[in-house]
PDB file of N, CA and C in Angstrom:
ATOM      1  N   UNK A   1     209.128  69.545 100.181  1.00  0.00           N
ATOM      2  CA  UNK A   1     209.998  68.742  99.468  1.00  0.00           C
ATOM      3  C   UNK A   1     211.260  69.646  99.136  1.00  0.00           C
ATOM      4  N   UNK A   2     212.518  68.787  99.369  1.00  0.00           N
ATOM      5  CA  UNK A   2     213.650  69.465  98.896  1.00  0.00           C
ATOM      6  C   UNK A   2     213.789  69.331  97.477  1.00  0.00           C
ATOM      7  N   UNK A   3     213.304  70.106  96.540  1.00  0.00           N
ATOM      8  CA  UNK A   3     213.722  69.756  95.066  1.00  0.00           C
ATOM      9  C   UNK A   3     215.123  69.429  94.794  1.00  0.00           C
ATOM     10  N   UNK A   4     216.089  69.871  94.958  1.00  0.00           N
ATOM     11  CA  UNK A   4     217.765  69.463  94.796  1.00  0.00           C
ATOM     12  C   UNK A   4     217.910  68.252  95.098  1.00  0.00           C
ATOM     13  N   UNK A   5     217.391  68.163  96.663  1.00  0.00           N
ATOM     14  CA  UNK A   5     217.624  66.504  97.027  1.00  0.00           C
ATOM     15  C   UNK A   5     216.764  65.248  96.206  1.00  0.00           C
ATOM     16  N   UNK A   6     215.582  65.816  96.215  1.00  0.00           N
ATOM     17  CA  UNK A   6     215.398  64.914  95.047  1.00  0.00           C
ATOM     18  C   UNK A   6     215.906  64.724  93.789  1.00  0.00           C
ATOM     19  N   UNK A   7     215.959  65.915  93.365  1.00  0.00           N
ATOM     20  CA  UNK A   7     217.198  65.654  91.790  1.00  0.00           C
ATOM     21  C   UNK A   7     218.312  65.227  92.099  1.00  0.00           C
ATOM     22  N   UNK A   8     218.807  65.340  93.396  1.00  0.00           N
ATOM     23  CA  UNK A   8     219.937  64.230  93.336  1.00  0.00           C
ATOM     24  C   UNK A   8     219.964  62.491  93.796  1.00  0.00           C
ATOM     25  N   UNK A   9     219.043  62.568  94.323  1.00  0.00           N
ATOM     26  CA  UNK A   9     218.294  61.127  94.305  1.00  0.00           C
ATOM     27  C   UNK A   9     217.795  60.224  93.359  1.00  0.00           C
ATOM     28  N   UNK A  10     217.236  61.189  92.921  1.00  0.00           N
ATOM     29  CA  UNK A  10     216.682  60.614  90.949  1.00  0.00           C
ATOM     30  C   UNK A  10     217.934  60.623  90.179  1.00  0.00           C
ATOM     31  N   UNK A  11     218.948  61.340  90.286  1.00  0.00           N
ATOM     32  CA  UNK A  11     220.219  61.150  89.735  1.00  0.00           C
ATOM     33  C   UNK A  11     220.930  59.935  90.204  1.00  0.00           C
ATOM     34  N   UNK A  12     220.807  59.438  91.524  1.00  0.00           N
ATOM     35  CA  UNK A  12     221.601  58.555  92.059  1.00  0.00           C
ATOM     36  C   UNK A  12     221.031  57.047  91.582  1.00  0.00           C
ATOM     37  N   UNK A  13     219.361  57.264  91.506  1.00  0.00           N
ATOM     38  CA  UNK A  13     218.472  55.980  91.336  1.00  0.00           C
ATOM     39  C   UNK A  13     219.030  55.659  89.780  1.00  0.00           C
ATOM     40  N   UNK A  14     218.666  56.393  88.794  1.00  0.00           N
ATOM     41  CA  UNK A  14     218.983  56.436  87.294  1.00  0.00           C
ATOM     42  C   UNK A  14     220.559  55.792  87.476  1.00  0.00           C
ATOM     43  N   UNK A  15     221.941  56.476  87.765  1.00  0.00           N
ATOM     44  CA  UNK A  15     222.869  55.827  87.677  1.00  0.00           C
ATOM     45  C   UNK A  15     223.236  54.438  88.245  1.00  0.00           C
ATOM     46  N   UNK A  16     222.603  54.015  89.431  1.00  0.00           N
ATOM     47  CA  UNK A  16     222.325  52.835  90.077  1.00  0.00           C
ATOM     48  C   UNK A  16     221.656  51.739  88.857  1.00  0.00           C
ATOM     49  N   UNK A  17     220.341  52.228  88.378  1.00  0.00           N
ATOM     50  CA  UNK A  17     219.788  51.317  87.655  1.00  0.00           C
ATOM     51  C   UNK A  17     220.707  51.040  86.671  1.00  0.00           C
ATOM     52  N   UNK A  18     221.102  51.896  85.622  1.00  0.00           N
ATOM     53  CA  UNK A  18     221.861  52.017  84.588  1.00  0.00           C
ATOM     54  C   UNK A  18     223.241  51.004  84.828  1.00  0.00           C
ATOM     55  N   UNK A  19     223.286  50.759  85.700  1.00  0.00           N
ATOM     56  CA  UNK A  19     224.577  49.973  86.079  1.00  0.00           C
ATOM     57  C   UNK A  19     224.574  48.421  85.494  1.00  0.00           C
ATOM     58  N   UNK A  20     225.566  47.752  84.497  1.00  0.00           N
ATOM     59  CA  UNK A  20     225.362  46.647  84.050  1.00  0.00           C
ATOM     60  C   UNK A  20     224.560  45.127  84.751  1.00  0.00           C
ATOM     61  N   UNK A  21     224.782  45.306  86.126  1.00  0.00           N
ATOM     62  CA  UNK A  21     224.239  44.684  86.542  1.00  0.00           C
ATOM     63  C   UNK A  21     223.030  44.844  87.484  1.00  0.00           C
ATOM     64  N   UNK A  22     222.460  45.544  87.224  1.00  0.00           N
ATOM     65  CA  UNK A  22     221.400  46.033  87.414  1.00  0.00           C
ATOM     66  C   UNK A  22     220.459  45.947  86.024  1.00  0.00           C
ATOM     67  N   UNK A  23     219.871  47.055  85.979  1.00  0.00           N
ATOM     68  CA  UNK A  23     218.612  47.430  84.891  1.00  0.00           C
ATOM     69  C   UNK A  23     219.498  47.168  83.730  1.00  0.00           C
ATOM     70  N   UNK A  24     220.504  47.832  83.807  1.00  0.00           N
ATOM     71  CA  UNK A  24     221.768  47.910  82.842  1.00  0.00           C
ATOM     72  C   UNK A  24     221.240  48.902  81.383  1.00  0.00           C
ATOM     73  N   UNK A  25     220.310  49.915  81.921  1.00  0.00           N
ATOM     74  CA  UNK A  25     220.272  50.962  81.346  1.00  0.00           C
ATOM     75  C   UNK A  25     219.309  52.114  81.759  1.00  0.00           C
ATOM     76  N   UNK A  26     219.136  53.337  81.515  1.00  0.00           N
ATOM     77  CA  UNK A  26     218.371  54.230  82.255  1.00  0.00           C
ATOM     78  C   UNK A  26     216.965  53.339  82.087  1.00  0.00           C
ATOM     79  N   UNK A  27     216.113  54.100  83.280  1.00  0.00           N
ATOM     80  CA  UNK A  27     214.686  53.733  83.000  1.00  0.00           C
ATOM     81  C   UNK A  27     214.143  54.327  82.101  1.00  0.00           C
ATOM     82  N   UNK A  28     212.770  53.657  81.447  1.00  0.00           N
ATOM     83  CA  UNK A  28     212.219  54.787  80.117  1.00  0.00           C
ATOM     84  C   UNK A  28     211.482  55.609  80.997  1.00  0.00           C
ATOM     85  N   UNK A  29     211.013  55.549  82.511  1.00  0.00           N
ATOM     86  CA  UNK A  29     210.332  56.503  83.140  1.00  0.00           C
ATOM     87  C   UNK A  29     210.620  56.650  84.149  1.00  0.00           C
ATOM     88  N   UNK A  30     210.736  57.284  84.782  1.00  0.00           N
ATOM     89  CA  UNK A  30     211.240  57.351  86.629  1.00  0.00           C
ATOM     90  C   UNK A  30     210.367  58.693  87.611  1.00  0.00           C
ATOM     91  N   UNK A  31     209.697  58.442  88.408  1.00  0.00           N
ATOM     92  CA  UNK A  31     209.264  59.541  89.256  1.00  0.00           C
ATOM     93  C   UNK A  31     209.533  59.216  90.560  1.00  0.00           C
ATOM     94  N   UNK A  32     209.687  60.613  91.117  1.00  0.00           N
ATOM     95  CA  UNK A  32     209.439  60.507  92.803  1.00  0.00           C
ATOM     96  C   UNK A  32     208.051  60.474  93.249  1.00  0.00           C
ATOM     97  N   UNK A  33     207.528  59.109  94.183  1.00  0.00           N
ATOM     98  CA  UNK A  33     206.692  58.545  94.212  1.00  0.00           C
ATOM     99  C   UNK A  33     206.414  59.099  96.091  1.00  0.00           C
ATOM    100  N   UNK A  34     207.387  59.319  96.559  1.00  0.00           N
ATOM    101  CA  UNK A  34     207.340  59.731  97.949  1.00  0.00           C
ATOM    102  C   UNK A  34     208.449  59.640  98.630  1.00  0.00           C
ATOM    103  N   UNK A  35     208.460  59.847  99.624  1.00  0.00           N
ATOM    104  CA  UNK A  35     209.518  60.439 100.519  1.00  0.00           C
ATOM    105  C   UNK A  35     209.341  59.755 102.455  1.00  0.00           C
ATOM    106  N   UNK A  36     210.169  59.278 102.785  1.00  0.00           N
ATOM    107  CA  UNK A  36     209.628  59.237 104.533  1.00  0.00           C
ATOM    108  C   UNK A  36     211.417  59.182 104.903  1.00  0.00           C
ATOM    109  N   UNK A  37     211.256  59.351 106.598  1.00  0.00           N
ATOM    110  CA  UNK A  37     212.186  59.661 107.122  1.00  0.00           C
ATOM    111  C   UNK A  37     212.173  58.130 108.086  1.00  0.00           C
ATOM    112  N   UNK A  38     213.828  57.366 108.447  1.00  0.00           N
ATOM    113  CA  UNK A  38     214.029  56.272 108.706  1.00  0.00           C
ATOM    114  C   UNK A  38     215.425  56.091 109.321  1.00  0.00           C
ATOM    115  N   UNK A  39     215.444  56.015 110.495  1.00  0.00           N
ATOM    116  CA  UNK A  39     216.598  55.806 111.401  1.00  0.00           C
ATOM    117  C   UNK A  39     217.449  57.197 111.294  1.00  0.00           C
ATOM    118  N   UNK A  40     217.072  58.046 111.664  1.00  0.00           N
ATOM    119  CA  UNK A  40     217.509  59.802 111.722  1.00  0.00           C
ATOM    120  C   UNK A  40     217.954  60.180 110.197  1.00  0.00           C
ATOM    121  N   UNK A  41     217.070  59.233 109.025  1.00  0.00           N
ATOM    122  CA  UNK A  41     217.697  59.812 107.617  1.00  0.00           C
ATOM    123  C   UNK A  41     216.709  59.788 106.926  1.00  0.00           C
ATOM    124  N   UNK A  42     216.711  60.471 105.545  1.00  0.00           N
ATOM    125  CA  UNK A  42     215.711  61.003 104.510  1.00  0.00           C
ATOM    126  C   UNK A  42     215.651  60.330 103.741  1.00  0.00           C
ATOM    127  N   UNK A  43     214.635  59.590 103.188  1.00  0.00           N
ATOM    128  CA  UNK A  43     214.707  58.490 101.699  1.00  0.00           C
ATOM    129  C   UNK A  43     213.374  59.032 100.592  1.00  0.00           C
ATOM    130  N   UNK A  44     213.855  58.443  99.516  1.00  0.00           N
ATOM    131  CA  UNK A  44     213.055  59.237  98.654  1.00  0.00           C
ATOM    132  C   UNK A  44     212.188  57.598  98.185  1.00  0.00           C
ATOM    133  N   UNK A  45     211.096  57.592  97.690  1.00  0.00           N
ATOM    134  CA  UNK A  45     210.774  56.267  97.132  1.00  0.00           C
ATOM    135  C   UNK A  45     210.522  57.222  95.327  1.00  0.00           C
ATOM    136  N   UNK A  46     210.831  55.785  94.507  1.00  0.00           N
ATOM    137  CA  UNK A  46     210.981  56.181  93.158  1.00  0.00           C
ATOM    138  C   UNK A  46     209.846  55.160  92.441  1.00  0.00           C
ATOM    139  N   UNK A  47     209.304  55.388  91.636  1.00  0.00           N
ATOM    140  CA  UNK A  47     208.797  54.297  90.613  1.00  0.00           C
ATOM    141  C   UNK A  47     209.586  54.417  89.308  1.00  0.00           C
ATOM    142  N   UNK A  48     209.862  53.154  88.377  1.00  0.00           N
ATOM    143  CA  UNK A  48     210.179  53.553  87.362  1.00  0.00           C
ATOM    144  C   UNK A  48     209.803  52.216  86.243  1.00  0.00           C
ATOM    145  N   UNK A  49     209.874  52.693  85.291  1.00  0.00           N
ATOM    146  CA  UNK A  49     209.602  51.502  84.063  1.00  0.00           C
ATOM    147  C   UNK A  49     210.720  51.124  83.444  1.00  0.00           C
ATOM    148  N   UNK A  50     210.828  49.914  83.139  1.00  0.00           N
ATOM    149  CA  UNK A  50     212.269  49.533  82.446  1.00  0.00           C
ATOM    150  C   UNK A  50     211.470  49.794  80.770  1.00  0.00           C
ATOM    151  N   UNK A  51     210.176  49.787  80.488  1.00  0.00           N
ATOM    152  CA  UNK A  51     209.841  49.829  79.032  1.00  0.00           C
ATOM    153  C   UNK A  51     209.222  50.631  79.095  1.00  0.00           C
ATOM    154  N   UNK A  52     208.515  51.302  78.055  1.00  0.00           N
ATOM    155  CA  UNK A  52     207.258  52.283  77.773  1.00  0.00           C
ATOM    156  C   UNK A  52     206.419  51.458  78.070  1.00  0.00           C
ATOM    157  N   UNK A  53     205.744  50.053  78.029  1.00  0.00           N
ATOM    158  CA  UNK A  53     204.698  49.368  78.495  1.00  0.00           C
ATOM    159  C   UNK A  53     204.719  48.603  79.488  1.00  0.00           C
ATOM    160  N   UNK A  54     206.042  48.738  80.127  1.00  0.00           N
ATOM    161  CA  UNK A  54     206.169  47.805  81.351  1.00  0.00           C
ATOM    162  C   UNK A  54     205.449  48.652  82.649  1.00  0.00           C
ATOM    163  N   UNK A  55     205.537  47.615  83.372  1.00  0.00           N
ATOM    164  CA  UNK A  55     205.073  48.233  84.812  1.00  0.00           C
ATOM    165  C   UNK A  55     205.728  48.751  85.454  1.00  0.00           C
ATOM    166  N   UNK A  56     205.079  49.430  85.885  1.00  0.00           N
ATOM    167  CA  UNK A  56     205.832  50.518  87.394  1.00  0.00           C
ATOM    168  C   UNK A  56     206.511  49.657  88.334  1.00  0.00           C
ATOM    169  N   UNK A  57     207.961  49.963  88.427  1.00  0.00           N
ATOM    170  CA  UNK A  57     208.550  49.140  89.516  1.00  0.00           C
ATOM    171  C   UNK A  57     208.940  49.784  90.568  1.00  0.00           C
ATOM    172  N   UNK A  58     209.380  49.338  92.040  1.00  0.00           N
ATOM    173  CA  UNK A  58     209.879  50.226  93.132  1.00  0.00           C
ATOM    174  C   UNK A  58     211.215  50.414  93.251  1.00  0.00           C
ATOM    175  N   UNK A  59     212.039  51.371  93.367  1.00  0.00           N
ATOM    176  CA  UNK A  59     213.223  51.525  94.012  1.00  0.00           C
ATOM    177  C   UNK A  59     213.278  52.962  95.359  1.00  0.00           C
ATOM    178  N   UNK A  60     214.004  52.796  95.980  1.00  0.00           N
ATOM    179  CA  UNK A  60     214.504  53.693  97.223  1.00  0.00           C
ATOM    180  C   UNK A  60     215.908  54.420  96.750  1.00  0.00           C
ATOM    181  N   UNK A  61     216.059  55.582  97.192  1.00  0.00           N
ATOM    182  CA  UNK A  61     217.097  56.019  97.425  1.00  0.00           C
ATOM    183  C   UNK A  61     217.339  57.131  98.571  1.00  0.00           C
ATOM    184  N   UNK A  62     218.700  57.104  99.143  1.00  0.00           N
ATOM    185  CA  UNK A  62     218.505  58.062 100.557  1.00  0.00           C
ATOM    186  C   UNK A  62     219.850  57.695 101.308  1.00  0.00           C
ATOM    187  N   UNK A  63     219.308  57.679 102.441  1.00  0.00           N
ATOM    188  CA  UNK A  63     220.505  58.069 103.506  1.00  0.00           C
ATOM    189  C   UNK A  63     220.785  59.463 103.633  1.00  0.00           C
ATOM    190  N   UNK A  64     219.630  60.448 103.333  1.00  0.00           N
ATOM    191  CA  UNK A  64     220.263  62.045 103.249  1.00  0.00           C
ATOM    192  C   UNK A  64     220.016  62.148 104.768  1.00  0.00           C
ATOM    193  N   UNK A  65     221.053  63.358 104.979  1.00  0.00           N
ATOM    194  CA  UNK A  65     221.071  63.954 106.241  1.00  0.00           C
ATOM    195  C   UNK A  65     220.572  65.501 106.146  1.00  0.00           C
ATOM    196  N   UNK A  66     219.766  65.651 106.727  1.00  0.00           N
ATOM    197  CA  UNK A  66     219.310  67.193 106.707  1.00  0.00           C
ATOM    198  C   UNK A  66     218.855  67.248 105.480  1.00  0.00           C
ATOM    199  N   UNK A  67     219.548  68.896 104.927  1.00  0.00           N
ATOM    200  CA  UNK A  67     219.908  69.416 103.535  1.00  0.00           C
ATOM    201  C   UNK A  67     220.494  68.889 102.698  1.00  0.00           C
ATOM    202  N   UNK A  68     221.460  67.724 103.106  1.00  0.00           N
ATOM    203  CA  UNK A  68     222.950  67.244 102.256  1.00  0.00           C
ATOM    204  C   UNK A  68     222.210  66.801 100.917  1.00  0.00           C
ATOM    205  N   UNK A  69     223.043  67.240 100.085  1.00  0.00           N
ATOM    206  CA  UNK A  69     222.561  66.456  98.656  1.00  0.00           C
ATOM    207  C   UNK A  69     223.591  65.233  98.433  1.00  0.00           C
ATOM    208  N   UNK A  70     224.113  65.132  99.216  1.00  0.00           N
ATOM    209  CA  UNK A  70     224.889  63.414  99.366  1.00  0.00           C
ATOM    210  C   UNK A  70     224.388  62.083 100.012  1.00  0.00           C
ATOM    211  N   UNK A  71     223.919  60.932  99.316  1.00  0.00           N
ATOM    212  CA  UNK A  71     223.155  60.341 100.413  1.00  0.00           C
ATOM    213  C   UNK A  71     224.165  59.043 100.766  1.00  0.00           C
ATOM    214  N   UNK A  72     223.740  58.190 101.986  1.00  0.00           N
ATOM    215  CA  UNK A  72     224.998  57.531 102.186  1.00  0.00           C
ATOM    216  C   UNK A  72     225.490  55.947 101.432  1.00  0.00           C
ATOM    217  N   UNK A  73     224.541  56.052 100.462  1.00  0.00           N
ATOM    218  CA  UNK A  73     224.763  54.714  99.620  1.00  0.00           C
ATOM    219  C   UNK A  73     223.374  53.962  99.679  1.00  0.00           C
ATOM    220  N   UNK A  74     222.423  53.787 100.130  1.00  0.00           N
ATOM    221  CA  UNK A  74     221.059  53.216 100.167  1.00  0.00           C
ATOM    222  C   UNK A  74     220.211  53.987  98.770  1.00  0.00           C
ATOM    223  N   UNK A  75     220.518  52.807  97.962  1.00  0.00           N
ATOM    224  CA  UNK A  75     220.357  53.035  96.705  1.00  0.00           C
ATOM    225  C   UNK A  75     219.860  51.573  96.154  1.00  0.00           C
ATOM    226  N   UNK A  76     218.701  51.532  95.735  1.00  0.00           N
ATOM    227  CA  UNK A  76     218.445  49.819  95.452  1.00  0.00           C
ATOM    228  C   UNK A  76     217.005  49.330  95.533  1.00  0.00           C
ATOM    229  N   UNK A  77     216.644  48.561  94.163  1.00  0.00           N
ATOM    230  CA  UNK A  77     215.692  47.981  94.076  1.00  0.00           C
ATOM    231  C   UNK A  77     215.494  46.671  93.964  1.00  0.00           C
ATOM    232  N   UNK A  78     214.658  45.947  94.120  1.00  0.00           N
ATOM    233  CA  UNK A  78     214.504  44.522  93.874  1.00  0.00           C
ATOM    234  C   UNK A  78     213.571  44.295  92.769  1.00  0.00           C
ATOM    235  N   UNK A  79     213.335  45.521  92.006  1.00  0.00           N
ATOM    236  CA  UNK A  79     212.607  45.185  91.097  1.00  0.00           C
ATOM    237  C   UNK A  79     211.081  44.914  90.946  1.00  0.00           C
ATOM    238  N   UNK A  80     210.669  44.922  92.225  1.00  0.00           N
ATOM    239  CA  UNK A  80     209.423  44.243  92.635  1.00  0.00           C
ATOM    240  C   UNK A  80     208.208  45.837  92.197  1.00  0.00           C
ATOM    241  N   UNK A  81     206.745  45.390  91.552  1.00  0.00           N
ATOM    242  CA  UNK A  81     206.097  46.183  90.910  1.00  0.00           C
ATOM    243  C   UNK A  81     205.676  47.061  92.181  1.00  0.00           C
ATOM    244  N   UNK A  82     205.599  48.457  91.440  1.00  0.00           N
ATOM    245  CA  UNK A  82     205.067  49.472  92.335  1.00  0.00           C
ATOM    246  C   UNK A  82     203.673  49.212  92.807  1.00  0.00           C
ATOM    247  N   UNK A  83     203.382  49.316  94.161  1.00  0.00           N
ATOM    248  CA  UNK A  83     201.805  49.422  95.056  1.00  0.00           C
ATOM    249  C   UNK A  83     202.156  50.572  96.026  1.00  0.00           C
ATOM    250  N   UNK A  84     201.258  51.606  95.619  1.00  0.00           N
ATOM    251  CA  UNK A  84     201.422  52.949  96.238  1.00  0.00           C
ATOM    252  C   UNK A  84     201.352  52.268  97.603  1.00  0.00           C
ATOM    253  N   UNK A  85     200.391  51.346  98.014  1.00  0.00           N
ATOM    254  CA  UNK A  85     199.942  51.139  99.254  1.00  0.00           C
ATOM    255  C   UNK A  85     200.978  50.450 100.407  1.00  0.00           C
ATOM    256  N   UNK A  86     201.917  49.479  99.409  1.00  0.00           N
ATOM    257  CA  UNK A  86     203.092  49.140  99.984  1.00  0.00           C
ATOM    258  C   UNK A  86     204.520  50.157 100.031  1.00  0.00           C
ATOM    259  N   UNK A  87     204.659  50.525  99.168  1.00  0.00           N
ATOM    260  CA  UNK A  87     205.782  51.104  98.611  1.00  0.00           C
ATOM    261  C   UNK A  87     207.038  51.406  99.904  1.00  0.00           C
ATOM    262  N   UNK A  88     206.159  52.275 100.993  1.00  0.00           N
ATOM    263  CA  UNK A  88     206.996  52.687 101.850  1.00  0.00           C
ATOM    264  C   UNK A  88     207.611  51.745 102.724  1.00  0.00           C
ATOM    265  N   UNK A  89     206.871  50.902 102.965  1.00  0.00           N
ATOM    266  CA  UNK A  89     207.380  49.230 103.585  1.00  0.00           C
ATOM    267  C   UNK A  89     208.516  48.740 102.814  1.00  0.00           C
ATOM    268  N   UNK A  90     208.042  48.537 101.463  1.00  0.00           N
ATOM    269  CA  UNK A  90     208.768  47.610 100.684  1.00  0.00           C
ATOM    270  C   UNK A  90     210.474  48.350 100.741  1.00  0.00           C
ATOM    271  N   UNK A  91     210.396  49.655 100.707  1.00  0.00           N
ATOM    272  CA  UNK A  91     211.507  50.352 100.724  1.00  0.00           C
ATOM    273  C   UNK A  91     212.012  50.565 101.893  1.00  0.00           C
ATOM    274  N   UNK A  92     211.491  50.442 103.398  1.00  0.00           N
ATOM    275  CA  UNK A  92     212.156  50.191 104.188  1.00  0.00           C
ATOM    276  C   UNK A  92     213.085  48.973 104.532  1.00  0.00           C
ATOM    277  N   UNK A  93     212.267  48.326 103.934  1.00  0.00           N
ATOM    278  CA  UNK A  93     212.905  46.651 103.859  1.00  0.00           C
ATOM    279  C   UNK A  93     214.106  46.704 103.209  1.00  0.00           C
ATOM    280  N   UNK A  94     213.992  47.256 102.346  1.00  0.00           N
ATOM    281  CA  UNK A  94     215.274  47.326 101.314  1.00  0.00           C
ATOM    282  C   UNK A  94     216.379  47.864 102.093  1.00  0.00           C
ATOM    283  N   UNK A  95     215.946  49.045 102.766  1.00  0.00           N
ATOM    284  CA  UNK A  95     216.770  49.740 103.508  1.00  0.00           C
ATOM    285  C   UNK A  95     217.583  48.865 104.761  1.00  0.00           C
ATOM    286  N   UNK A  96     216.918  48.270 105.428  1.00  0.00           N
ATOM    287  CA  UNK A  96     217.179  47.576 106.409  1.00  0.00           C
ATOM    288  C   UNK A  96     218.192  46.339 105.800  1.00  0.00           C
ATOM    289  N   UNK A  97     217.716  45.940 104.536  1.00  0.00           N
ATOM    290  CA  UNK A  97     218.733  44.642 104.141  1.00  0.00           C
ATOM    291  C   UNK A  97     219.847  44.945 103.660  1.00  0.00           C
ATOM    292  N   UNK A  98     220.192  46.440 103.287  1.00  0.00           N
ATOM    293  CA  UNK A  98     221.456  46.947 103.096  1.00  0.00           C
ATOM    294  C   UNK A  98     222.225  47.193 104.054  1.00  0.00           C
ATOM    295  N   UNK A  99     221.571  47.741 105.364  1.00  0.00           N
ATOM    296  CA  UNK A  99     222.367  48.053 106.517  1.00  0.00           C
ATOM    297  C   UNK A  99     222.496  46.686 107.224  1.00  0.00           C
ATOM    298  N   UNK A 100     221.971  45.223 107.213  1.00  0.00           N
ATOM    299  CA  UNK A 100     222.380  44.438 107.739  1.00  0.00           C
ATOM    300  C   UNK A 100     223.442  43.658 107.405  1.00  0.00           C
ATOM    301  N   UNK A 101     223.311  44.084 105.455  1.00  0.00           N
ATOM    302  CA  UNK A 101     224.386  43.610 104.543  1.00  0.00           C
ATOM    303  C   UNK A 101     225.760  44.451 104.906  1.00  0.00           C
ATOM    304  N   UNK A 102     225.972  45.524 105.230  1.00  0.00           N
ATOM    305  CA  UNK A 102     227.082  46.375 105.720  1.00  0.00           C
ATOM    306  C   UNK A 102     227.259  46.032 107.252  1.00  0.00           C
ATOM    307  N   UNK A 103     226.586  45.707 108.104  1.00  0.00           N
ATOM    308  CA  UNK A 103     226.853  45.331 109.600  1.00  0.00           C
ATOM    309  C   UNK A 103     227.770  43.764 109.390  1.00  0.00           C
ATOM    310  N   UNK A 104     227.124  43.297 108.421  1.00  0.00           N
ATOM    311  CA  UNK A 104     227.924  41.625 108.039  1.00  0.00           C
ATOM    312  C   UNK A 104     229.294  41.350 107.597  1.00  0.00           C
ATOM    313  N   UNK A 105     229.451  42.809 106.905  1.00  0.00           N
ATOM    314  CA  UNK A 105     230.455  42.996 105.808  1.00  0.00           C
ATOM    315  C   UNK A 105     231.808  43.620 107.112  1.00  0.00           C
ATOM    316  N   UNK A 106     231.103  44.095 107.852  1.00  0.00           N
ATOM    317  CA  UNK A 106     231.936  45.210 108.786  1.00  0.00           C
ATOM    318  C   UNK A 106     232.424  43.929 109.503  1.00  0.00           C
ATOM    319  N   UNK A 107     231.532  43.136 110.156  1.00  0.00           N
ATOM    320  CA  UNK A 107     231.997  42.183 111.108  1.00  0.00           C
ATOM    321  C   UNK A 107     232.732  41.303 110.412  1.00  0.00           C
ATOM    322  N   UNK A 108     232.779  40.717 109.435  1.00  0.00           N
ATOM    323  CA  UNK A 108     233.397  40.102 108.685  1.00  0.00           C
ATOM    324  C   UNK A 108     234.852  40.546 108.241  1.00  0.00           C
ATOM    325  N   UNK A 109     234.772  42.247 108.235  1.00  0.00           N
ATOM    326  CA  UNK A 109     236.186  42.504 108.161  1.00  0.00           C
ATOM    327  C   UNK A 109     237.188  42.495 109.289  1.00  0.00           C
ATOM    328  N   UNK A 110     236.521  42.952 110.203  1.00  0.00           N
ATOM    329  CA  UNK A 110     236.744  43.053 111.924  1.00  0.00           C
ATOM    330  C   UNK A 110     237.503  41.499 112.177  1.00  0.00           C
ATOM    331  N   UNK A 111     236.633  40.072 111.702  1.00  0.00           N
ATOM    332  CA  UNK A 111     236.939  38.979 112.241  1.00  0.00           C
ATOM    333  C   UNK A 111     238.459  38.709 111.595  1.00  0.00           C
ATOM    334  N   UNK A 112     238.205  39.015 110.166  1.00  0.00           N
ATOM    335  CA  UNK A 112     239.797  38.517 109.239  1.00  0.00           C
ATOM    336  C   UNK A 112     240.971  39.380 109.993  1.00  0.00           C
ATOM    337  N   UNK A 113     240.730  40.790 110.370  1.00  0.00           N
ATOM    338  CA  UNK A 113     241.891  41.808 110.770  1.00  0.00           C
ATOM    339  C   UNK A 113     242.168  40.970 112.005  1.00  0.00           C
ATOM    340  N   UNK A 114     241.300  40.754 112.942  1.00  0.00           N
ATOM    341  CA  UNK A 114     241.625  39.951 114.403  1.00  0.00           C
ATOM    342  C   UNK A 114     242.094  38.192 114.365  1.00  0.00           C
ATOM    343  N   UNK A 115     241.931  37.514 113.000  1.00  0.00           N
ATOM    344  CA  UNK A 115     242.488  36.181 112.586  1.00  0.00           C
ATOM    345  C   UNK A 115     244.053  37.068 111.591  1.00  0.00           C
ATOM    346  N   UNK A 116     243.694  37.872 111.307  1.00  0.00           N
ATOM    347  CA  UNK A 116     245.299  38.418 111.130  1.00  0.00           C
ATOM    348  C   UNK A 116     246.415  38.968 111.343  1.00  0.00           C
ATOM    349  N   UNK A 117     245.811  39.175 113.025  1.00  0.00           N
ATOM    350  CA  UNK A 117     246.714  39.810 114.189  1.00  0.00           C
ATOM    351  C   UNK A 117     246.838  41.352 113.765  1.00  0.00           C
ATOM    352  N   UNK A 118     245.475  42.022 113.266  1.00  0.00           N
ATOM    353  CA  UNK A 118     245.886  43.295 113.267  1.00  0.00           C
ATOM    354  C   UNK A 118     244.803  43.866 113.786  1.00  0.00           C
ATOM    355  N   UNK A 119     245.249  44.601 114.843  1.00  0.00           N
ATOM    356  CA  UNK A 119     244.319  45.404 116.075  1.00  0.00           C
ATOM    357  C   UNK A 119     243.465  46.494 115.434  1.00  0.00           C
ATOM    358  N   UNK A 120     242.326  45.706 115.695  1.00  0.00           N
ATOM    359  CA  UNK A 120     241.201  46.923 115.089  1.00  0.00           C
ATOM    360  C   UNK A 120     240.427  48.043 116.259  1.00  0.00           C
TER     361      UNK A 120
END
């Protein structure tokens, strides 16, 4: 495990969770619960608690290339309960959802540009 990369991923996860449209605050507890490679990039699985007595929830951060400390923006949680046996599959599904969202956005922008007579 690359400790610096884990720390960068955890900080990004905390920042994402703290956003008002997400958890709205730092999680009470957060731990790296695993890592995996997907689509030639490296990801970290996090489990976190909204409150001391709350359940562990799952989130993902990544899209790291090699030893880079910069992720590609794949930071997300659907605030599902953390289950060690399904966490990686849930995180991959979240990453795929993010990738699909950005594919659709790129297509929409390209279509808008073509409609507006801008050559892409």
